[in-house]
Every structure is written in structure tokens, then in C-alpha cells.
Amino acid sequence: MCEEVLPNLFRIKIPLPDSPLKYLNSYIIKDPERSLIIDTGLNRQECLEAMQMGLDTLGIDLSKSDIFITHLHADHFGLVSKLVTDSTNIFFNRPDKELMESWEGFEAMVDYAGQNGFPENELKAAIDKHPGAKYGSDWIPELKVLDDGDVIDVGIYNFKCVATPGHTMGHTCLYEQNKKILVAGDHILIDITPNIQCWSDTENRLKHYLASLDKVYDLKVDLVLPGHRRLIDNHRARIEELKEHHMQRLDEVLAILSKDSMSAFQIASRMTWDIDCESWDLFPVAQKWFATGEAISHIRYLEDEGRVVRKTVDQTIKFALST
């Protein structure tokens, strides 16, 4: 499906089979001299066919197009290797680029998940079903780094990069001040909340994410172009809802820990999730993985505030309320 959102700015819905996200919004800014593709989809045939159909409908020449990727996740980055030509500029952020360059596989995340109570028999299955492992880019083309405040001019649009760490540490939005639009990637979504995962003791992803919401709150925006689901016409109201959601999540974690000390996996199993399953045991393993990572991001936030403390019991990290 291809639709014109604004003059010379189009949305192609790229299907994400077997994903609760349903589809990725890829945005195309069409210009006779050089077009811009924003986010691409997973590296799988269904995504490639939808992208090619949309580009053909618009008459986009890939040899006269550049690509901007909001962040490293496979549903945004994975298809790049199928679209790049010898003349393509691929615009990307520095933190995510450095992470990709230093990437040595999922082993560190697996070890950390195990320390946080994720059952060993489910760990491998979680990785095998991880979209980054199944549908990532075939290879990493040369990336042109853009930093916070850098500008991309394409046709009648003048986009300014806005670094919004949280969903990933390099996540970057594009802001068009004159047109009052924000290309938001996975920073602001409607109907669903961006997944804020943490798999490190040295990061506080939720703190970064909340600060990034505050960063874009005062921008003059009439329309948000998100990476998934519907377009958003009141970004401030949605930001307030997202912040309230995370405050409720923090309260929920504290309430769970008021009963006993628990691992992050145990805490996640007791949290409220919007998924059509009768019990935690019936959750798809990939959803348990995402839920545990999100639980850790809230625990780390509370831990840095001194409201939660940890101890290691039989090689498993347990959390408790501070006294």
C-alpha cells in the first residue's frame, strides 16, 4: 500500500509477518534530483516485494535515492542491503553504528538474561526467534553518520536530526520545522508503547527515553509520522500518555516487590502486558524476551533512584525494595 501523506511525501506500509507491530511505515520523499527513503523493513521477501511495489508505483529510481534509518532494529534497518546502490548515501546515527561495529553476537545478552532469571531452556529459543537474528541485513553497507542537529535537504523538505536515545541509544528522529512534521521512528507510537528494553547494568534506558520525550515535547508539530501504526496529530497529548504509562509501570514494579524479592524474569511474569494470552506460561518466547528487557529497564530506573536494591542468590540477581 502506498499513500501520499503530504506533498511529495509518501508512506509505504511494509508488512511484518507474525509480528504484533503488523507493519512498518516506510516514508518516501520523492524528488526529481534525489529522493529519500526513511526506514526499510525486515530482510525478508514479503518486505522486499512490498517495498519494490511501492517504489515502482512512485517511479523511484534507487540509483538516485538515499536512505535514512532511524535506528538499528531489523524491522527498520534489515532491508537496506537489498536497496543500496553504488551511489546510495545511507544516513545513520553514531551510537547505533558503533554498537553494530562492535557486535559480537547475542552471547552477552543471553548471559545477562540468564543472570536475571530467564530460564536456560528458553534462552536459545528466544534468540532463534529474535528478528535481529533471523531477518537482519545481509551485510552492513558504508554508513554516513549524522549527529544531533545535522540537516538533510530533500526536495521541498529540510529535515533536522533530533537525537532521541531510549528505544535504542542512537535512535534519531527527523524534524521539519516549516512543515511542522516529526518523523518519529519508534520514539512516539500510537495504540502501542515503544519497547524500552535494557540488557546492561551500566545503562538506564528508561531515564534516557523519558528525557527524549521531554526533548521533543515543545517542538511545533502538527503531524507525527511514526514507524508503526497510525499517524499522530497531537504529539504532546501522546507524550503525556507515554510518560504516565511508564510511571504506572514503575509503581507496578514497586508493588510486585512489596511482596518478595524477585528476579527480573519473575517480575516481568507478574507485570500487566497487552497480549492475548491467558497466562505468562503461554506467552511466545520472543514476547517473554521483550517483556523481561522492559522489566529490567524499569528496575534499573528504580535502582538508580535508590528505591530498589539487588543481591545475587545462587548466581541469579534478585531485586528488593530498599529499606
Protein backbone atom coordinates (compact mmCIF):
# COMPACT_ATOMS: atom_id res chain seq x y z
CA MET A 1 0.00 0.00 0.00
CA CYS A 2 1.32 3.43 -0.98
CA GLU A 3 -0.34 6.70 0.03
CA GLU A 4 0.54 10.38 -0.20
CA VAL A 5 0.69 11.90 3.28
CA LEU A 6 1.91 15.37 2.31
CA PRO A 7 3.09 16.87 -1.00
CA ASN A 8 5.85 14.60 -2.38
CA LEU A 9 5.90 12.63 0.90
CA PHE A 10 4.50 9.11 0.76
CA ARG A 11 4.01 6.18 3.13
CA ILE A 12 4.56 2.56 2.11
CA LYS A 13 3.25 0.00 4.59
CA ILE A 14 5.81 -2.79 4.76
CA PRO A 15 4.26 -5.98 6.24
CA LEU A 16 5.89 -7.54 9.30
CA PRO A 17 4.52 -11.11 9.28
CA ASP A 18 3.99 -12.80 12.65
CA SER A 19 4.68 -9.53 14.48
CA PRO A 20 2.26 -7.66 16.75
CA LEU A 21 3.60 -4.48 15.11
CA LYS A 22 1.75 -5.57 11.92
CA TYR A 23 3.70 -3.32 9.53
CA LEU A 24 6.47 -0.76 9.24
CA ASN A 25 5.79 2.73 7.94
CA SER A 26 8.47 3.48 5.36
CA TYR A 27 8.36 7.11 4.23
CA ILE A 28 9.46 8.21 0.78
CA ILE A 29 10.25 11.82 -0.08
CA LYS A 30 10.14 11.99 -3.86
CA ASP A 31 12.31 14.48 -5.72
CA PRO A 32 13.48 14.51 -9.35
CA GLU A 33 17.10 15.07 -8.36
CA ARG A 34 17.40 12.76 -5.34
CA SER A 35 14.72 11.01 -3.31
CA LEU A 36 14.93 9.84 0.32
CA ILE A 37 13.72 6.54 1.80
CA ILE A 38 13.18 6.55 5.58
CA ASP A 39 13.36 3.07 7.18
CA THR A 40 13.09 -0.13 5.18
CA GLY A 41 11.63 -3.26 6.81
CA LEU A 42 12.96 -6.70 7.65
CA ASN A 43 15.30 -8.57 5.35
CA ARG A 44 12.65 -10.98 4.11
CA GLN A 45 10.85 -11.50 0.84
CA GLU A 46 7.47 -10.11 1.92
CA CYS A 47 9.08 -6.81 2.90
CA LEU A 48 11.17 -6.59 -0.27
CA GLU A 49 8.16 -7.20 -2.51
CA ALA A 50 6.07 -4.53 -0.75
CA MET A 51 8.93 -2.03 -0.93
CA GLN A 52 9.62 -2.70 -4.61
CA MET A 53 5.92 -2.42 -5.46
CA GLY A 54 5.67 0.92 -3.64
CA LEU A 55 8.83 2.33 -5.20
CA ASP A 56 7.72 1.21 -8.66
CA THR A 57 4.33 2.85 -8.13
CA LEU A 58 6.06 6.11 -7.25
CA GLY A 59 8.62 5.81 -10.01
CA ILE A 60 11.53 5.95 -7.58
CA ASP A 61 14.98 5.28 -9.04
CA LEU A 62 17.15 3.65 -6.35
CA SER A 63 20.31 4.90 -8.06
CA LYS A 64 19.03 8.43 -7.43
CA SER A 65 17.88 7.84 -3.85
CA ASP A 66 19.37 7.99 -0.37
CA ILE A 67 18.26 6.15 2.77
CA PHE A 68 17.82 7.38 6.34
CA ILE A 69 17.48 4.80 9.12
CA THR A 70 16.05 5.95 12.45
CA HIS A 71 17.71 3.16 14.46
CA LEU A 72 19.38 -0.23 14.24
CA HIS A 73 16.47 -2.64 14.81
CA ALA A 74 16.00 -5.14 12.00
CA ASP A 75 12.47 -4.03 11.09
CA HIS A 76 13.92 -0.63 10.21
CA PHE A 77 17.44 -1.50 9.03
CA GLY A 78 17.27 -5.08 7.75
CA LEU A 79 16.27 -4.44 4.13
CA VAL A 80 19.00 -1.85 3.50
CA SER A 81 21.33 -4.39 1.90
CA LYS A 82 18.70 -5.16 -0.76
CA LEU A 83 18.13 -1.49 -1.67
CA VAL A 84 21.58 0.06 -1.64
CA THR A 85 23.32 1.00 -4.91
CA ASP A 86 26.82 2.28 -5.63
CA SER A 87 25.54 5.87 -5.35
CA THR A 88 23.37 5.50 -2.23
CA ASN A 89 24.08 7.55 0.88
CA ILE A 90 22.89 5.72 3.99
CA PHE A 91 22.36 8.19 6.82
CA PHE A 92 22.63 6.72 10.30
CA ASN A 93 23.45 7.66 13.88
CA ARG A 94 26.78 7.26 15.64
CA PRO A 95 25.86 5.25 18.80
CA ASP A 96 23.97 2.55 16.89
CA LYS A 97 26.72 2.39 14.26
CA GLU A 98 29.36 1.85 16.95
CA LEU A 99 27.25 -0.87 18.55
CA MET A 100 26.87 -2.66 15.23
CA GLU A 101 30.59 -2.41 14.53
CA SER A 102 31.49 -3.87 17.93
CA TRP A 103 28.76 -6.53 17.83
CA GLU A 104 30.00 -9.99 18.75
CA GLY A 105 26.66 -11.78 18.81
CA PHE A 106 23.88 -12.34 21.32
CA GLU A 107 26.01 -14.23 23.85
CA ALA A 108 26.40 -11.30 26.24
CA MET A 109 22.64 -10.66 26.21
CA VAL A 110 21.96 -14.35 26.76
CA ASP A 111 24.32 -14.47 29.74
CA TYR A 112 22.76 -11.34 31.21
CA ALA A 113 19.24 -12.70 30.69
CA GLY A 114 20.26 -15.88 32.48
CA GLN A 115 21.61 -13.88 35.42
CA ASN A 116 18.24 -12.14 35.57
CA GLY A 117 16.31 -15.38 35.87
CA PHE A 118 15.41 -16.14 32.25
CA PRO A 119 15.23 -19.98 32.15
CA GLU A 120 18.15 -21.51 30.27
CA ASN A 121 15.91 -23.85 28.27
CA GLU A 122 14.10 -20.83 26.81
CA LEU A 123 17.15 -18.66 26.14
CA LYS A 124 18.21 -20.27 22.87
CA ALA A 125 14.65 -20.30 21.61
CA ALA A 126 14.40 -16.59 22.43
CA ILE A 127 17.46 -15.81 20.35
CA ASP A 128 16.41 -18.07 17.48
CA LYS A 129 13.12 -16.15 17.27
CA HIS A 130 14.71 -12.71 17.66
CA PRO A 131 14.01 -10.73 14.44
CA GLY A 132 17.53 -9.29 14.53
CA ALA A 133 18.95 -12.80 14.30
CA LYS A 134 16.51 -14.04 11.64
CA TYR A 135 15.97 -11.02 9.40
CA GLY A 136 18.93 -8.68 9.82
CA SER A 137 20.86 -7.12 6.97
CA ASP A 138 22.94 -9.47 4.80
CA TRP A 139 25.85 -7.06 5.17
CA ILE A 140 26.45 -3.58 6.56
CA PRO A 141 26.99 -1.02 3.80
CA GLU A 142 29.02 2.11 4.42
CA LEU A 143 27.09 4.40 6.73
CA LYS A 144 27.22 8.19 6.70
CA VAL A 145 26.95 9.39 10.29
CA LEU A 146 24.64 12.27 11.15
CA ASP A 147 24.66 13.79 14.61
CA ASP A 148 22.07 15.71 16.61
CA GLY A 149 21.26 18.95 14.76
CA ASP A 150 22.58 17.87 11.36
CA VAL A 151 20.35 18.60 8.36
CA ILE A 152 19.11 16.61 5.37
CA ASP A 153 17.69 18.66 2.49
CA VAL A 154 15.49 16.74 0.08
CA GLY A 155 13.15 18.48 -2.36
CA ILE A 156 10.87 20.90 -0.53
CA TYR A 157 11.79 19.41 2.87
CA ASN A 158 14.50 20.48 5.27
CA PHE A 159 14.93 17.83 7.97
CA LYS A 160 16.86 18.36 11.18
CA CYS A 161 18.19 15.34 13.07
CA VAL A 162 16.94 15.09 16.65
CA ALA A 163 18.77 12.52 18.78
CA THR A 164 16.21 10.69 20.94
CA PRO A 165 18.02 7.91 22.86
CA GLY A 166 15.89 5.38 24.69
CA HIS A 167 14.38 2.81 22.34
CA THR A 168 17.98 2.44 21.18
CA MET A 169 20.82 4.62 22.38
CA GLY A 170 21.22 6.16 18.93
CA HIS A 171 17.59 6.50 17.92
CA THR A 172 17.15 9.64 15.81
CA CYS A 173 14.03 11.47 14.64
CA LEU A 174 13.74 13.95 11.77
CA TYR A 175 12.05 17.31 12.37
CA GLU A 176 10.80 19.63 9.64
CA GLN A 177 10.22 22.97 11.31
CA ASN A 178 8.49 24.72 8.40
CA LYS A 179 6.12 21.85 7.65
CA LYS A 180 5.73 21.06 11.38
CA ILE A 181 6.24 17.32 10.97
CA LEU A 182 8.22 14.87 13.07
CA VAL A 183 9.38 11.59 11.57
CA ALA A 184 9.46 9.70 14.84
CA GLY A 185 10.63 6.15 14.13
CA ASP A 186 9.84 4.18 17.28
CA HIS A 187 10.17 7.14 19.64
CA ILE A 188 6.45 8.00 19.68
CA LEU A 189 3.85 5.41 18.67
CA ILE A 190 0.06 5.37 18.94
CA ASP A 191 -2.07 2.44 20.20
CA ILE A 192 1.12 0.69 21.37
CA THR A 193 4.01 1.87 23.51
CA PRO A 194 7.61 1.77 22.26
CA ASN A 195 9.50 -1.11 23.83
CA ILE A 196 12.21 0.24 26.15
CA GLN A 197 14.49 -2.70 26.87
CA CYS A 198 17.68 -2.78 28.90
CA TRP A 199 20.24 -5.60 28.93
CA SER A 200 23.05 -3.92 30.85
CA ASP A 201 23.90 -2.86 34.38
CA THR A 202 25.60 0.28 33.06
CA GLU A 203 22.64 1.78 31.18
CA ASN A 204 19.45 3.50 32.27
CA ARG A 205 17.40 3.29 29.07
CA LEU A 206 14.15 4.48 30.61
CA LYS A 207 15.78 7.63 32.01
CA HIS A 208 17.13 8.42 28.53
CA TYR A 209 13.76 7.71 26.94
CA LEU A 210 11.80 9.97 29.28
CA ALA A 211 14.34 12.77 28.72
CA SER A 212 13.98 12.28 24.95
CA LEU A 213 10.20 12.61 25.23
CA ASP A 214 10.72 15.89 27.05
CA LYS A 215 13.16 16.98 24.33
CA VAL A 216 10.56 16.81 21.55
CA TYR A 217 7.58 17.92 23.64
CA ASP A 218 7.98 21.63 22.92
CA LEU A 219 8.64 21.25 19.20
CA LYS A 220 5.94 22.76 16.99
CA VAL A 221 4.48 19.63 15.43
CA ASP A 222 1.18 19.25 13.58
CA LEU A 223 1.77 15.68 12.43
CA VAL A 224 3.92 12.81 13.73
CA LEU A 225 4.97 10.16 11.22
CA PRO A 226 5.66 7.10 13.40
CA GLY A 227 7.45 3.90 12.47
CA HIS A 228 4.35 1.79 13.08
CA ARG A 229 0.56 2.10 13.18
CA ARG A 230 -1.44 5.31 12.72
CA LEU A 231 -0.17 8.84 12.19
CA ILE A 232 -0.41 11.09 15.25
CA ASP A 233 -1.86 14.61 15.25
CA ASN A 234 -1.30 15.59 18.91
CA HIS A 235 2.21 14.66 19.94
CA ARG A 236 2.09 16.40 23.31
CA ALA A 237 -1.00 14.51 24.45
CA ARG A 238 0.60 11.25 23.35
CA ILE A 239 3.86 12.08 25.13
CA GLU A 240 1.93 12.71 28.33
CA GLU A 241 0.21 9.33 27.94
CA LEU A 242 3.54 7.58 27.37
CA LYS A 243 5.11 9.19 30.42
CA GLU A 244 2.11 8.28 32.56
CA HIS A 245 2.31 4.70 31.26
CA HIS A 246 5.89 4.39 32.48
CA MET A 247 5.09 5.97 35.84
CA GLN A 248 2.38 3.33 36.29
CA ARG A 249 4.86 0.65 35.26
CA LEU A 250 7.31 1.84 37.91
CA ASP A 251 4.57 1.75 40.53
CA GLU A 252 3.64 -1.74 39.38
CA VAL A 253 7.20 -2.99 39.84
CA LEU A 254 7.32 -1.50 43.34
CA ALA A 255 4.00 -3.15 44.20
CA ILE A 256 5.28 -6.52 42.98
CA LEU A 257 8.46 -6.19 45.01
CA SER A 258 6.47 -5.25 48.12
CA LYS A 259 5.57 -8.95 48.39
CA ASP A 260 9.02 -10.52 47.99
CA SER A 261 12.43 -10.19 46.36
CA MET A 262 12.41 -11.46 42.77
CA SER A 263 14.46 -11.77 39.61
CA ALA A 264 13.67 -9.54 36.63
CA PHE A 265 12.12 -12.53 34.85
CA GLN A 266 9.83 -13.19 37.82
CA ILE A 267 8.89 -9.52 38.00
CA ALA A 268 8.08 -9.49 34.27
CA SER A 269 5.88 -12.56 34.70
CA ARG A 270 3.75 -10.64 37.21
CA MET A 271 3.50 -7.38 35.26
CA THR A 272 0.50 -6.49 33.11
CA TRP A 273 1.03 -6.99 29.39
CA ASP A 274 -1.28 -6.23 26.50
CA ILE A 275 -1.03 -9.59 24.80
CA ASP A 276 -3.76 -12.11 24.03
CA CYS A 277 -2.57 -14.95 26.27
CA GLU A 278 -4.27 -16.43 29.29
CA SER A 279 -1.06 -16.76 31.27
CA TRP A 280 2.64 -15.90 31.24
CA ASP A 281 3.47 -19.53 30.52
CA LEU A 282 1.61 -19.25 27.20
CA PHE A 283 3.49 -16.11 26.07
CA PRO A 284 5.57 -16.66 22.92
CA VAL A 285 9.18 -16.87 23.98
CA ALA A 286 10.06 -13.74 21.98
CA GLN A 287 7.43 -11.78 23.92
CA LYS A 288 8.88 -13.06 27.21
CA TRP A 289 12.25 -11.80 26.00
CA PHE A 290 10.90 -8.32 25.19
CA ALA A 291 8.92 -8.19 28.44
CA THR A 292 11.92 -9.13 30.56
CA GLY A 293 14.07 -6.49 28.86
CA GLU A 294 11.38 -3.88 29.53
CA ALA A 295 11.10 -5.00 33.15
CA ILE A 296 14.86 -4.56 33.54
CA SER A 297 14.68 -1.00 32.16
CA HIS A 298 12.16 -0.08 34.87
CA ILE A 299 14.12 -1.88 37.58
CA ARG A 300 17.31 -0.07 36.55
CA TYR A 301 15.48 3.27 36.75
CA LEU A 302 14.30 2.48 40.27
CA GLU A 303 17.71 1.13 41.23
CA ASP A 304 19.45 4.34 40.13
CA GLU A 305 16.92 6.30 42.19
CA GLY A 306 17.82 4.20 45.23
CA ARG A 307 14.33 2.75 45.55
CA VAL A 308 15.36 -0.80 44.67
CA VAL A 309 18.43 -2.80 45.65
CA ARG A 310 19.90 -6.05 44.37
CA LYS A 311 21.60 -9.13 45.69
CA THR A 312 22.84 -12.27 43.99
CA VAL A 313 21.35 -15.58 45.11
CA ASP A 314 22.63 -18.81 43.52
CA GLN A 315 24.05 -16.84 40.56
CA THR A 316 20.70 -15.12 39.96
CA ILE A 317 20.21 -11.39 40.53
CA LYS A 318 17.29 -10.70 42.85
CA PHE A 319 15.76 -7.28 43.47
CA ALA A 320 14.04 -5.95 46.57
CA LEU A 321 12.70 -2.69 47.89
CA SER A 322 15.32 -0.55 49.60
CA THR A 323 14.84 -0.14 53.32
